[in-house]
Amino acid sequence: MRSQKQIQNTWTNSINILQKNSLNRLLIFLLLNSGCGSYPSIAPRQSTIDPEFIPFVEKFEKEQNEVVDIDIMFKATEGQIVALCWRYDYNKQGISIEVDPNFWFSSTEMEKEETIYHELGHCILARDHTEELIDYKVPKSIMYPYVFSLAYEKYRSYYVDELKNQKVLLTDYLE
């Protein structure tokens, strides 16, 4: 039978060994998971975005905290359609946006932004159209199926927030 002193020494030695092993494991973990230099927070784009659209896409990414890695290009559309989001599946594969060049080059900066944000609402945020109006005159959402640049410009912050949170109220944004 061991004495109380022997048991205490054995216990103390065991704790010391565990502490050293834990410290060694922590040091090894830190060494393996550290390195020189920094890694980019966002992987480089794999998509093709026409340079005309890049400022609007970058602004959308920043404001919506989303990564846009889809093709965005010019292509003539038919009728009154100014842009289209082609979405082949909901895993962000096979997605692209086509924008009518005649519309684009005759539009204001706000109309361009509204159009890109609207189409990215479809392609990136999986939003559908809504024709709902507030007080029968102002679109409730940027996902309204027609360009409404005057209201968009006036209530831009509301429409940008509403893209991600459909519960926001326009009344909270009125001056």
Protein backbone atom coordinates (compact mmCIF):
# COMPACT_ATOMS: atom_id res chain seq x y z
CA MET A 1 0.00 0.00 0.00
CA ARG A 2 1.27 3.49 -0.87
CA SER A 3 1.56 6.33 1.55
CA GLN A 4 -0.36 9.56 1.31
CA LYS A 5 2.88 11.33 0.27
CA GLN A 6 3.50 8.83 -2.58
CA ILE A 7 -0.07 9.24 -3.85
CA GLN A 8 0.27 13.03 -3.73
CA ASN A 9 3.61 12.90 -5.65
CA THR A 10 2.10 10.59 -8.27
CA TRP A 11 -0.87 12.92 -8.63
CA THR A 12 1.37 15.98 -8.93
CA ASN A 13 3.55 14.26 -11.56
CA SER A 14 0.46 13.26 -13.55
CA ILE A 15 -0.84 16.83 -13.55
CA ASN A 16 2.58 18.16 -14.64
CA ILE A 17 2.70 15.68 -17.53
CA LEU A 18 -0.84 16.63 -18.62
CA GLN A 19 -0.01 20.33 -18.45
CA LYS A 20 3.16 19.84 -20.53
CA ASN A 21 1.29 17.72 -23.08
CA SER A 22 -1.50 20.30 -23.32
CA LEU A 23 1.03 23.08 -23.76
CA ASN A 24 2.89 21.07 -26.40
CA ARG A 25 -0.35 20.35 -28.26
CA LEU A 26 -1.27 24.03 -28.17
CA LEU A 27 2.16 25.04 -29.52
CA ILE A 28 1.98 22.46 -32.30
CA PHE A 29 -1.53 23.59 -33.20
CA LEU A 30 -0.47 27.23 -33.34
CA LEU A 31 2.59 26.45 -35.44
CA LEU A 32 0.62 24.36 -37.92
CA ASN A 33 -2.12 26.95 -38.24
CA SER A 34 0.02 30.03 -38.64
CA GLY A 35 2.25 31.15 -41.42
CA CYS A 36 3.76 34.09 -43.18
CA GLY A 37 1.63 36.43 -45.23
CA SER A 38 -2.11 36.78 -45.35
CA TYR A 39 -4.81 34.98 -47.23
CA PRO A 40 -7.45 36.85 -49.19
CA SER A 41 -10.84 36.81 -47.53
CA ILE A 42 -12.64 36.27 -50.85
CA ALA A 43 -11.50 33.89 -53.54
CA PRO A 44 -10.88 35.42 -56.96
CA ARG A 45 -13.86 35.51 -59.26
CA GLN A 46 -14.33 32.55 -61.55
CA SER A 47 -16.96 34.39 -63.57
CA THR A 48 -16.89 36.95 -66.35
CA ILE A 49 -18.36 40.34 -65.55
CA ASP A 50 -18.32 43.05 -68.18
CA PRO A 51 -16.27 46.00 -66.83
CA GLU A 52 -19.35 48.26 -67.16
CA PHE A 53 -21.05 46.35 -64.35
CA ILE A 54 -18.14 45.92 -61.93
CA PRO A 55 -18.67 49.15 -59.90
CA PHE A 56 -22.31 48.21 -59.29
CA VAL A 57 -21.46 44.60 -58.44
CA GLU A 58 -18.76 45.65 -55.97
CA LYS A 59 -21.14 48.10 -54.31
CA PHE A 60 -23.79 45.36 -54.07
CA GLU A 61 -21.26 42.93 -52.53
CA LYS A 62 -20.29 45.47 -49.91
CA GLU A 63 -23.83 46.56 -49.03
CA GLN A 64 -25.37 43.08 -49.07
CA ASN A 65 -22.33 41.22 -47.70
CA GLU A 66 -22.56 38.76 -50.58
CA VAL A 67 -20.09 37.39 -53.10
CA VAL A 68 -21.15 37.75 -56.72
CA ASP A 69 -19.45 35.10 -58.81
CA ILE A 70 -21.74 34.85 -61.82
CA ASP A 71 -21.44 35.95 -65.43
CA ILE A 72 -22.89 39.37 -66.24
CA MET A 73 -22.88 40.46 -69.86
CA PHE A 74 -24.60 42.55 -72.48
CA LYS A 75 -27.15 40.90 -74.71
CA ALA A 76 -30.04 42.39 -76.63
CA THR A 77 -33.41 41.59 -75.09
CA GLU A 78 -36.86 41.60 -76.65
CA GLY A 79 -39.78 43.90 -75.94
CA GLN A 80 -39.63 45.97 -72.77
CA ILE A 81 -37.31 43.60 -70.95
CA VAL A 82 -34.18 45.49 -69.90
CA ALA A 83 -32.32 42.66 -68.14
CA LEU A 84 -32.69 38.98 -67.27
CA CYS A 85 -31.36 36.66 -64.61
CA TRP A 86 -30.91 33.13 -65.92
CA ARG A 87 -30.95 30.72 -63.01
CA TYR A 88 -30.59 27.06 -63.88
CA ASP A 89 -30.42 25.85 -60.29
CA TYR A 90 -30.46 27.24 -56.78
CA ASN A 91 -26.91 26.23 -55.87
CA LYS A 92 -25.62 29.30 -57.73
CA GLN A 93 -24.51 27.12 -60.64
CA GLY A 94 -25.40 28.05 -64.20
CA ILE A 95 -26.48 31.56 -63.24
CA SER A 96 -25.98 34.60 -65.41
CA ILE A 97 -27.35 38.08 -66.01
CA GLU A 98 -27.93 39.58 -69.43
CA VAL A 99 -28.47 43.33 -69.77
CA ASP A 100 -29.79 45.05 -72.87
CA PRO A 101 -27.08 47.45 -74.14
CA ASN A 102 -29.61 49.91 -75.60
CA PHE A 103 -31.24 50.29 -72.18
CA TRP A 104 -27.92 50.43 -70.33
CA PHE A 105 -26.27 53.14 -72.38
CA SER A 106 -29.36 55.37 -72.29
CA SER A 107 -29.90 54.99 -68.51
CA THR A 108 -28.96 57.12 -65.53
CA GLU A 109 -26.55 55.80 -62.89
CA MET A 110 -29.49 55.18 -60.55
CA GLU A 111 -31.38 53.19 -63.19
CA LYS A 112 -28.25 51.11 -63.82
CA GLU A 113 -27.77 50.43 -60.12
CA GLU A 114 -31.44 49.60 -59.62
CA THR A 115 -31.34 47.18 -62.56
CA ILE A 116 -28.18 45.37 -61.41
CA TYR A 117 -29.40 45.19 -57.79
CA HIS A 118 -32.78 43.88 -58.97
CA GLU A 119 -31.21 41.16 -61.12
CA LEU A 120 -28.74 40.23 -58.36
CA GLY A 121 -31.79 40.01 -56.08
CA HIS A 122 -33.00 37.22 -58.37
CA CYS A 123 -29.65 35.53 -59.03
CA ILE A 124 -27.86 35.84 -55.68
CA LEU A 125 -30.65 36.29 -53.13
CA ALA A 126 -33.25 34.06 -54.90
CA ARG A 127 -35.91 36.78 -54.71
CA ASP A 128 -38.98 36.75 -56.95
CA HIS A 129 -40.91 39.68 -58.41
CA THR A 130 -43.53 41.48 -56.37
CA GLU A 131 -45.91 44.05 -57.80
CA GLU A 132 -47.03 45.22 -54.36
CA LEU A 133 -47.27 49.00 -53.99
CA ILE A 134 -47.30 51.19 -50.89
CA ASP A 135 -50.23 53.64 -50.92
CA TYR A 136 -50.94 52.58 -54.51
CA LYS A 137 -47.94 54.45 -55.87
CA VAL A 138 -44.52 53.42 -54.52
CA PRO A 139 -43.15 49.90 -55.10
CA LYS A 140 -42.76 48.00 -51.85
CA SER A 141 -39.65 46.24 -53.12
CA ILE A 142 -36.76 46.65 -55.50
CA MET A 143 -38.11 43.37 -56.88
CA TYR A 144 -40.91 45.31 -58.55
CA PRO A 145 -40.78 44.13 -62.19
CA TYR A 146 -40.42 47.61 -63.72
CA VAL A 147 -37.75 50.30 -63.43
CA PHE A 148 -38.93 52.97 -60.97
CA SER A 149 -35.85 55.15 -60.70
CA LEU A 150 -37.40 58.25 -59.08
CA ALA A 151 -38.71 56.31 -56.07
CA TYR A 152 -35.55 54.21 -55.99
CA GLU A 153 -33.37 57.29 -55.84
CA LYS A 154 -35.51 58.93 -53.17
CA TYR A 155 -35.74 55.83 -50.94
CA ARG A 156 -32.55 54.06 -51.98
CA SER A 157 -31.43 53.07 -48.46
CA TYR A 158 -34.83 51.43 -47.84
CA TYR A 159 -34.73 49.43 -51.09
CA VAL A 160 -31.12 48.30 -50.47
CA ASP A 161 -32.02 47.11 -46.95
CA GLU A 162 -35.25 45.52 -48.17
CA LEU A 163 -33.30 43.26 -50.54
CA LYS A 164 -32.09 41.19 -47.56
CA ASN A 165 -34.84 41.93 -45.06
CA GLN A 166 -38.37 42.07 -46.44
CA LYS A 167 -39.68 43.04 -42.99
CA VAL A 168 -38.25 46.57 -43.06
CA LEU A 169 -40.82 49.33 -43.42
CA LEU A 170 -40.56 52.31 -45.74
CA THR A 171 -42.03 54.52 -42.99
CA ASP A 172 -38.83 53.93 -40.99
CA TYR A 173 -36.87 55.62 -43.81
CA LEU A 174 -39.05 58.67 -44.38
CA GLU A 175 -37.56 62.05 -43.56
